[in-house]
Amino acid sequence: MLRMAIDDILKKNNLEADTFTGDVATCLTNDCDVIFISKELSDQIIDRATMPVVTIDDFLNPKEIEEKTLAFMKQYSEKH
C-alpha cells in the first residue's frame, strides 16, 4: 500500500525511483537510499539504519505520504 502510494506520487511529479517492498529484517540489508516505514516499525530499525529513515505516521493519510516523499526527493536531488 505504501509503495503504491509513493510510486503514484513520483509519477504525478515526474520523478523516477526504483522502489521495492521489504520487511523489517531485510530493509537494512538492501542497497537503498531511503527507507519509508510505519511509525510502529521505525523504532526497530532507526538506530541501525545507515540510510535515512522516513517515518510515516498514518498510511491512510495521502497528504502526509506525499509531503514526506517530496521532501525527501528534494533533499536527495540537492545532494546528488
PDB file of N, CA and C in Angstrom:
ATOM      1  N   MET A   1       0.814  -1.189   0.000  1.00  0.00           N
ATOM      2  CA  MET A   1       0.000   0.000   0.000  1.00  0.00           C
ATOM      3  C   MET A   1       0.870   1.270   0.000  1.00  0.00           C
ATOM      4  N   LEU A   2       1.873   1.310   0.858  1.00  0.00           N
ATOM      5  CA  LEU A   2       2.753   2.485   0.906  1.00  0.00           C
ATOM      6  C   LEU A   2       3.559   2.608  -0.376  1.00  0.00           C
ATOM      7  N   ARG A   3       4.063   1.487  -0.861  1.00  0.00           N
ATOM      8  CA  ARG A   3       4.846   1.531  -2.103  1.00  0.00           C
ATOM      9  C   ARG A   3       4.011   2.071  -3.255  1.00  0.00           C
ATOM     10  N   MET A   4       2.783   1.607  -3.375  1.00  0.00           N
ATOM     11  CA  MET A   4       1.925   2.087  -4.459  1.00  0.00           C
ATOM     12  C   MET A   4       1.672   3.583  -4.328  1.00  0.00           C
ATOM     13  N   ALA A   5       1.463   4.053  -3.113  1.00  0.00           N
ATOM     14  CA  ALA A   5       1.231   5.484  -2.901  1.00  0.00           C
ATOM     15  C   ALA A   5       2.468   6.285  -3.305  1.00  0.00           C
ATOM     16  N   ILE A   6       3.639   5.812  -2.922  1.00  0.00           N
ATOM     17  CA  ILE A   6       4.886   6.512  -3.276  1.00  0.00           C
ATOM     18  C   ILE A   6       5.104   6.484  -4.777  1.00  0.00           C
ATOM     19  N   ASP A   7       4.870   5.338  -5.408  1.00  0.00           N
ATOM     20  CA  ASP A   7       5.007   5.246  -6.870  1.00  0.00           C
ATOM     21  C   ASP A   7       4.076   6.234  -7.562  1.00  0.00           C
ATOM     22  N   ASP A   8       2.852   6.346  -7.091  1.00  0.00           N
ATOM     23  CA  ASP A   8       1.886   7.290  -7.682  1.00  0.00           C
ATOM     24  C   ASP A   8       2.354   8.739  -7.518  1.00  0.00           C
ATOM     25  N   ILE A   9       2.885   9.069  -6.350  1.00  0.00           N
ATOM     26  CA  ILE A   9       3.391  10.420  -6.091  1.00  0.00           C
ATOM     27  C   ILE A   9       4.561  10.735  -7.011  1.00  0.00           C
ATOM     28  N   LEU A  10       5.466   9.796  -7.155  1.00  0.00           N
ATOM     29  CA  LEU A  10       6.618  10.004  -8.038  1.00  0.00           C
ATOM     30  C   LEU A  10       6.157  10.234  -9.471  1.00  0.00           C
ATOM     31  N   LYS A  11       5.255   9.402  -9.939  1.00  0.00           N
ATOM     32  CA  LYS A  11       4.757   9.528 -11.309  1.00  0.00           C
ATOM     33  C   LYS A  11       4.062  10.872 -11.517  1.00  0.00           C
ATOM     34  N   LYS A  12       3.213  11.245 -10.576  1.00  0.00           N
ATOM     35  CA  LYS A  12       2.466  12.503 -10.662  1.00  0.00           C
ATOM     36  C   LYS A  12       3.385  13.717 -10.726  1.00  0.00           C
ATOM     37  N   ASN A  13       4.559  13.599 -10.124  1.00  0.00           N
ATOM     38  CA  ASN A  13       5.504  14.712 -10.070  1.00  0.00           C
ATOM     39  C   ASN A  13       6.682  14.539 -11.019  1.00  0.00           C
ATOM     40  N   ASN A  14       6.543  13.626 -11.985  1.00  0.00           N
ATOM     41  CA  ASN A  14       7.573  13.364 -12.992  1.00  0.00           C
ATOM     42  C   ASN A  14       8.930  13.060 -12.364  1.00  0.00           C
ATOM     43  N   LEU A  15       8.911  12.248 -11.311  1.00  0.00           N
ATOM     44  CA  LEU A  15      10.133  11.820 -10.633  1.00  0.00           C
ATOM     45  C   LEU A  15      10.309  10.328 -10.842  1.00  0.00           C
ATOM     46  N   GLU A  16      11.547   9.895 -10.862  1.00  0.00           N
ATOM     47  CA  GLU A  16      11.821   8.473 -11.059  1.00  0.00           C
ATOM     48  C   GLU A  16      12.600   7.921  -9.884  1.00  0.00           C
ATOM     49  N   ALA A  17      12.242   6.707  -9.508  1.00  0.00           N
ATOM     50  CA  ALA A  17      12.967   5.999  -8.456  1.00  0.00           C
ATOM     51  C   ALA A  17      12.627   4.523  -8.561  1.00  0.00           C
ATOM     52  N   ASP A  18      13.563   3.692  -8.197  1.00  0.00           N
ATOM     53  CA  ASP A  18      13.302   2.263  -8.088  1.00  0.00           C
ATOM     54  C   ASP A  18      12.796   2.022  -6.674  1.00  0.00           C
ATOM     55  N   THR A  19      11.621   1.440  -6.567  1.00  0.00           N
ATOM     56  CA  THR A  19      11.048   1.188  -5.251  1.00  0.00           C
ATOM     57  C   THR A  19      10.857  -0.309  -5.065  1.00  0.00           C
ATOM     58  N   PHE A  20      10.894  -0.748  -3.829  1.00  0.00           N
ATOM     59  CA  PHE A  20      10.607  -2.149  -3.525  1.00  0.00           C
ATOM     60  C   PHE A  20       9.990  -2.234  -2.140  1.00  0.00           C
ATOM     61  N   THR A  21       9.370  -3.347  -1.883  1.00  0.00           N
ATOM     62  CA  THR A  21       8.753  -3.596  -0.589  1.00  0.00           C
ATOM     63  C   THR A  21       9.547  -4.675   0.124  1.00  0.00           C
ATOM     64  N   GLY A  22       9.823  -4.433   1.393  1.00  0.00           N
ATOM     65  CA  GLY A  22      10.539  -5.421   2.181  1.00  0.00           C
ATOM     66  C   GLY A  22       9.996  -5.452   3.593  1.00  0.00           C
ATOM     67  N   ASP A  23      10.583  -6.330   4.387  1.00  0.00           N
ATOM     68  CA  ASP A  23      10.172  -6.391   5.784  1.00  0.00           C
ATOM     69  C   ASP A  23      11.282  -5.817   6.658  1.00  0.00           C
ATOM     70  N   VAL A  24      11.043  -5.758   7.935  1.00  0.00           N
ATOM     71  CA  VAL A  24      11.996  -5.149   8.864  1.00  0.00           C
ATOM     72  C   VAL A  24      13.344  -5.868   8.811  1.00  0.00           C
ATOM     73  N   ALA A  25      13.326  -7.154   8.660  1.00  0.00           N
ATOM     74  CA  ALA A  25      14.570  -7.918   8.655  1.00  0.00           C
ATOM     75  C   ALA A  25      15.421  -7.652   7.414  1.00  0.00           C
ATOM     76  N   THR A  26      14.791  -7.413   6.279  1.00  0.00           N
ATOM     77  CA  THR A  26      15.551  -7.241   5.048  1.00  0.00           C
ATOM     78  C   THR A  26      15.794  -5.790   4.656  1.00  0.00           C
ATOM     79  N   CYS A  27      15.032  -4.872   5.205  1.00  0.00           N
ATOM     80  CA  CYS A  27      15.162  -3.485   4.741  1.00  0.00           C
ATOM     81  C   CYS A  27      16.545  -2.908   5.033  1.00  0.00           C
ATOM     82  N   LEU A  28      17.188  -3.354   6.069  1.00  0.00           N
ATOM     83  CA  LEU A  28      18.518  -2.825   6.401  1.00  0.00           C
ATOM     84  C   LEU A  28      19.623  -3.451   5.576  1.00  0.00           C
ATOM     85  N   THR A  29      19.351  -4.575   4.936  1.00  0.00           N
ATOM     86  CA  THR A  29      20.393  -5.259   4.165  1.00  0.00           C
ATOM     87  C   THR A  29      20.351  -4.925   2.683  1.00  0.00           C
ATOM     88  N   ASN A  30      19.330  -4.234   2.237  1.00  0.00           N
ATOM     89  CA  ASN A  30      19.233  -3.855   0.831  1.00  0.00           C
ATOM     90  C   ASN A  30      19.980  -2.556   0.572  1.00  0.00           C
ATOM     91  N   ASP A  31      20.553  -2.465  -0.615  1.00  0.00           N
ATOM     92  CA  ASP A  31      21.241  -1.248  -1.033  1.00  0.00           C
ATOM     93  C   ASP A  31      20.181  -0.248  -1.492  1.00  0.00           C
ATOM     94  N   CYS A  32      19.928   0.752  -0.656  1.00  0.00           N
ATOM     95  CA  CYS A  32      18.902   1.733  -0.993  1.00  0.00           C
ATOM     96  C   CYS A  32      19.304   3.096  -0.438  1.00  0.00           C
ATOM     97  N   ASP A  33      18.600   4.108  -0.892  1.00  0.00           N
ATOM     98  CA  ASP A  33      18.881   5.485  -0.481  1.00  0.00           C
ATOM     99  C   ASP A  33      18.019   5.958   0.673  1.00  0.00           C
ATOM    100  N   VAL A  34      16.906   5.294   0.902  1.00  0.00           N
ATOM    101  CA  VAL A  34      15.973   5.702   1.954  1.00  0.00           C
ATOM    102  C   VAL A  34      15.050   4.538   2.283  1.00  0.00           C
ATOM    103  N   ILE A  35      14.549   4.546   3.515  1.00  0.00           N
ATOM    104  CA  ILE A  35      13.521   3.592   3.923  1.00  0.00           C
ATOM    105  C   ILE A  35      12.316   4.387   4.384  1.00  0.00           C
ATOM    106  N   PHE A  36      11.166   4.122   3.768  1.00  0.00           N
ATOM    107  CA  PHE A  36       9.889   4.664   4.229  1.00  0.00           C
ATOM    108  C   PHE A  36       9.236   3.558   5.045  1.00  0.00           C
ATOM    109  N   ILE A  37       8.837   3.865   6.278  1.00  0.00           N
ATOM    110  CA  ILE A  37       8.363   2.820   7.174  1.00  0.00           C
ATOM    111  C   ILE A  37       7.337   3.383   8.149  1.00  0.00           C
ATOM    112  N   SER A  38       6.512   2.512   8.684  1.00  0.00           N
ATOM    113  CA  SER A  38       5.499   2.943   9.647  1.00  0.00           C
ATOM    114  C   SER A  38       6.143   3.352  10.964  1.00  0.00           C
ATOM    115  N   LYS A  39       5.423   4.176  11.687  1.00  0.00           N
ATOM    116  CA  LYS A  39       5.886   4.637  12.990  1.00  0.00           C
ATOM    117  C   LYS A  39       6.121   3.453  13.922  1.00  0.00           C
ATOM    118  N   GLU A  40       5.240   2.474  13.867  1.00  0.00           N
ATOM    119  CA  GLU A  40       5.339   1.312  14.737  1.00  0.00           C
ATOM    120  C   GLU A  40       6.621   0.503  14.482  1.00  0.00           C
ATOM    121  N   LEU A  41       7.050   0.444  13.252  1.00  0.00           N
ATOM    122  CA  LEU A  41       8.229  -0.358  12.914  1.00  0.00           C
ATOM    123  C   LEU A  41       9.525   0.439  12.887  1.00  0.00           C
ATOM    124  N   SER A  42       9.432   1.734  12.761  1.00  0.00           N
ATOM    125  CA  SER A  42      10.656   2.535  12.647  1.00  0.00           C
ATOM    126  C   SER A  42      11.533   2.432  13.885  1.00  0.00           C
ATOM    127  N   ASP A  43      10.930   2.275  15.045  1.00  0.00           N
ATOM    128  CA  ASP A  43      11.720   2.141  16.274  1.00  0.00           C
ATOM    129  C   ASP A  43      12.654   0.933  16.233  1.00  0.00           C
ATOM    130  N   GLN A  44      12.278  -0.083  15.471  1.00  0.00           N
ATOM    131  CA  GLN A  44      13.075  -1.301  15.394  1.00  0.00           C
ATOM    132  C   GLN A  44      14.323  -1.148  14.527  1.00  0.00           C
ATOM    133  N   ILE A  45      14.339  -0.154  13.643  1.00  0.00           N
ATOM    134  CA  ILE A  45      15.465  -0.044  12.715  1.00  0.00           C
ATOM    135  C   ILE A  45      16.219   1.276  12.775  1.00  0.00           C
ATOM    136  N   ILE A  46      15.611   2.294  13.306  1.00  0.00           N
ATOM    137  CA  ILE A  46      16.158   3.649  13.182  1.00  0.00           C
ATOM    138  C   ILE A  46      17.586   3.771  13.715  1.00  0.00           C
ATOM    139  N   ASP A  47      17.908   3.058  14.776  1.00  0.00           N
ATOM    140  CA  ASP A  47      19.251   3.143  15.345  1.00  0.00           C
ATOM    141  C   ASP A  47      20.278   2.334  14.570  1.00  0.00           C
ATOM    142  N   ARG A  48      19.816   1.415  13.731  1.00  0.00           N
ATOM    143  CA  ARG A  48      20.734   0.562  12.970  1.00  0.00           C
ATOM    144  C   ARG A  48      20.845   0.937  11.496  1.00  0.00           C
ATOM    145  N   ALA A  49      19.974   1.805  11.031  1.00  0.00           N
ATOM    146  CA  ALA A  49      19.949   2.154   9.610  1.00  0.00           C
ATOM    147  C   ALA A  49      21.134   3.042   9.245  1.00  0.00           C
ATOM    148  N   THR A  50      21.717   2.764   8.083  1.00  0.00           N
ATOM    149  CA  THR A  50      22.818   3.581   7.573  1.00  0.00           C
ATOM    150  C   THR A  50      22.330   4.563   6.518  1.00  0.00           C
ATOM    151  N   MET A  51      21.045   4.531   6.248  1.00  0.00           N
ATOM    152  CA  MET A  51      20.425   5.434   5.286  1.00  0.00           C
ATOM    153  C   MET A  51      19.301   6.176   5.991  1.00  0.00           C
ATOM    154  N   PRO A  52      18.809   7.260   5.404  1.00  0.00           N
ATOM    155  CA  PRO A  52      17.699   7.979   6.039  1.00  0.00           C
ATOM    156  C   PRO A  52      16.472   7.083   6.207  1.00  0.00           C
ATOM    157  N   VAL A  53      15.760   7.292   7.293  1.00  0.00           N
ATOM    158  CA  VAL A  53      14.506   6.590   7.558  1.00  0.00           C
ATOM    159  C   VAL A  53      13.406   7.641   7.632  1.00  0.00           C
ATOM    160  N   VAL A  54      12.411   7.502   6.770  1.00  0.00           N
ATOM    161  CA  VAL A  54      11.268   8.408   6.762  1.00  0.00           C
ATOM    162  C   VAL A  54      10.105   7.669   7.414  1.00  0.00           C
ATOM    163  N   THR A  55       9.680   8.174   8.544  1.00  0.00           N
ATOM    164  CA  THR A  55       8.601   7.533   9.287  1.00  0.00           C
ATOM    165  C   THR A  55       7.255   8.096   8.852  1.00  0.00           C
ATOM    166  N   ILE A  56       6.365   7.192   8.484  1.00  0.00           N
ATOM    167  CA  ILE A  56       5.007   7.569   8.098  1.00  0.00           C
ATOM    168  C   ILE A  56       4.085   7.234   9.266  1.00  0.00           C
ATOM    169  N   ASP A  57       3.480   8.252   9.822  1.00  0.00           N
ATOM    170  CA  ASP A  57       2.603   8.064  10.979  1.00  0.00           C
ATOM    171  C   ASP A  57       1.278   7.411  10.620  1.00  0.00           C
ATOM    172  N   ASP A  58       0.757   7.725   9.430  1.00  0.00           N
ATOM    173  CA  ASP A  58      -0.565   7.231   9.048  1.00  0.00           C
ATOM    174  C   ASP A  58      -0.552   6.863   7.566  1.00  0.00           C
ATOM    175  N   PHE A  59      -0.518   5.566   7.273  1.00  0.00           N
ATOM    176  CA  PHE A  59      -0.501   5.092   5.886  1.00  0.00           C
ATOM    177  C   PHE A  59      -1.750   5.494   5.121  1.00  0.00           C
ATOM    178  N   LEU A  60      -2.810   5.845   5.827  1.00  0.00           N
ATOM    179  CA  LEU A  60      -4.055   6.223   5.170  1.00  0.00           C
ATOM    180  C   LEU A  60      -4.157   7.723   4.934  1.00  0.00           C
ATOM    181  N   ASN A  61      -3.082   8.446   5.215  1.00  0.00           N
ATOM    182  CA  ASN A  61      -3.066   9.892   5.033  1.00  0.00           C
ATOM    183  C   ASN A  61      -2.225  10.225   3.796  1.00  0.00           C
ATOM    184  N   PRO A  62      -2.864  10.372   2.634  1.00  0.00           N
ATOM    185  CA  PRO A  62      -2.108  10.611   1.409  1.00  0.00           C
ATOM    186  C   PRO A  62      -1.314  11.919   1.447  1.00  0.00           C
ATOM    187  N   LYS A  63      -1.821  12.906   2.148  1.00  0.00           N
ATOM    188  CA  LYS A  63      -1.115  14.191   2.237  1.00  0.00           C
ATOM    189  C   LYS A  63       0.220  14.015   2.968  1.00  0.00           C
ATOM    190  N   GLU A  64       0.209  13.275   4.063  1.00  0.00           N
ATOM    191  CA  GLU A  64       1.452  13.030   4.798  1.00  0.00           C
ATOM    192  C   GLU A  64       2.460  12.274   3.940  1.00  0.00           C
ATOM    193  N   ILE A  65       2.001  11.242   3.259  1.00  0.00           N
ATOM    194  CA  ILE A  65       2.903  10.450   2.420  1.00  0.00           C
ATOM    195  C   ILE A  65       3.489  11.311   1.308  1.00  0.00           C
ATOM    196  N   GLU A  66       2.655  12.117   0.682  1.00  0.00           N
ATOM    197  CA  GLU A  66       3.137  12.977  -0.401  1.00  0.00           C
ATOM    198  C   GLU A  66       4.136  14.012   0.115  1.00  0.00           C
ATOM    199  N   GLU A  67       3.804  14.672   1.205  1.00  0.00           N
ATOM    200  CA  GLU A  67       4.714  15.691   1.753  1.00  0.00           C
ATOM    201  C   GLU A  67       6.071  15.099   2.115  1.00  0.00           C
ATOM    202  N   LYS A  68       6.067  13.956   2.775  1.00  0.00           N
ATOM    203  CA  LYS A  68       7.323  13.349   3.200  1.00  0.00           C
ATOM    204  C   LYS A  68       8.110  12.776   2.021  1.00  0.00           C
ATOM    205  N   THR A  69       7.414  12.225   1.046  1.00  0.00           N
ATOM    206  CA  THR A  69       8.091  11.698  -0.147  1.00  0.00           C
ATOM    207  C   THR A  69       8.745  12.832  -0.925  1.00  0.00           C
ATOM    208  N   LEU A  70       7.998  13.889  -1.184  1.00  0.00           N
ATOM    209  CA  LEU A  70       8.542  15.002  -1.960  1.00  0.00           C
ATOM    210  C   LEU A  70       9.645  15.732  -1.202  1.00  0.00           C
ATOM    211  N   ALA A  71       9.526  15.833   0.105  1.00  0.00           N
ATOM    212  CA  ALA A  71      10.589  16.470   0.894  1.00  0.00           C
ATOM    213  C   ALA A  71      11.870  15.658   0.802  1.00  0.00           C
ATOM    214  N   PHE A  72      11.763  14.339   0.897  1.00  0.00           N
ATOM    215  CA  PHE A  72      12.964  13.518   0.761  1.00  0.00           C
ATOM    216  C   PHE A  72      13.541  13.645  -0.645  1.00  0.00           C
ATOM    217  N   MET A  73      12.717  13.562  -1.656  1.00  0.00           N
ATOM    218  CA  MET A  73      13.213  13.634  -3.034  1.00  0.00           C
ATOM    219  C   MET A  73      13.900  14.965  -3.304  1.00  0.00           C
ATOM    220  N   LYS A  74      13.374  16.036  -2.774  1.00  0.00           N
ATOM    221  CA  LYS A  74      14.008  17.346  -2.947  1.00  0.00           C
ATOM    222  C   LYS A  74      15.378  17.352  -2.270  1.00  0.00           C
ATOM    223  N   GLN A  75      15.415  16.897  -1.046  1.00  0.00           N
ATOM    224  CA  GLN A  75      16.683  16.848  -0.300  1.00  0.00           C
ATOM    225  C   GLN A  75      17.699  15.940  -1.004  1.00  0.00           C
ATOM    226  N   TYR A  76      17.235  14.801  -1.490  1.00  0.00           N
ATOM    227  CA  TYR A  76      18.115  13.863  -2.183  1.00  0.00           C
ATOM    228  C   TYR A  76      18.670  14.473  -3.466  1.00  0.00           C
ATOM    229  N   SER A  77      17.812  15.127  -4.236  1.00  0.00           N
ATOM    230  CA  SER A  77      18.265  15.690  -5.509  1.00  0.00           C
ATOM    231  C   SER A  77      19.254  16.841  -5.297  1.00  0.00           C
ATOM    232  N   GLU A  78      19.137  17.553  -4.189  1.00  0.00           N
ATOM    233  CA  GLU A  78      20.086  18.631  -3.898  1.00  0.00           C
ATOM    234  C   GLU A  78      21.468  18.103  -3.543  1.00  0.00           C
ATOM    235  N   LYS A  79      21.532  16.894  -3.009  1.00  0.00           N
ATOM    236  CA  LYS A  79      22.801  16.300  -2.609  1.00  0.00           C
ATOM    237  C   LYS A  79      23.456  15.490  -3.724  1.00  0.00           C
ATOM    238  N   HIS A  80      22.695  15.150  -4.758  1.00  0.00           N
ATOM    239  CA  HIS A  80      23.247  14.292  -5.822  1.00  0.00           C
ATOM    240  C   HIS A  80      23.201  14.963  -7.160  1.00  0.00           C
TER     241      HIS A  80
END
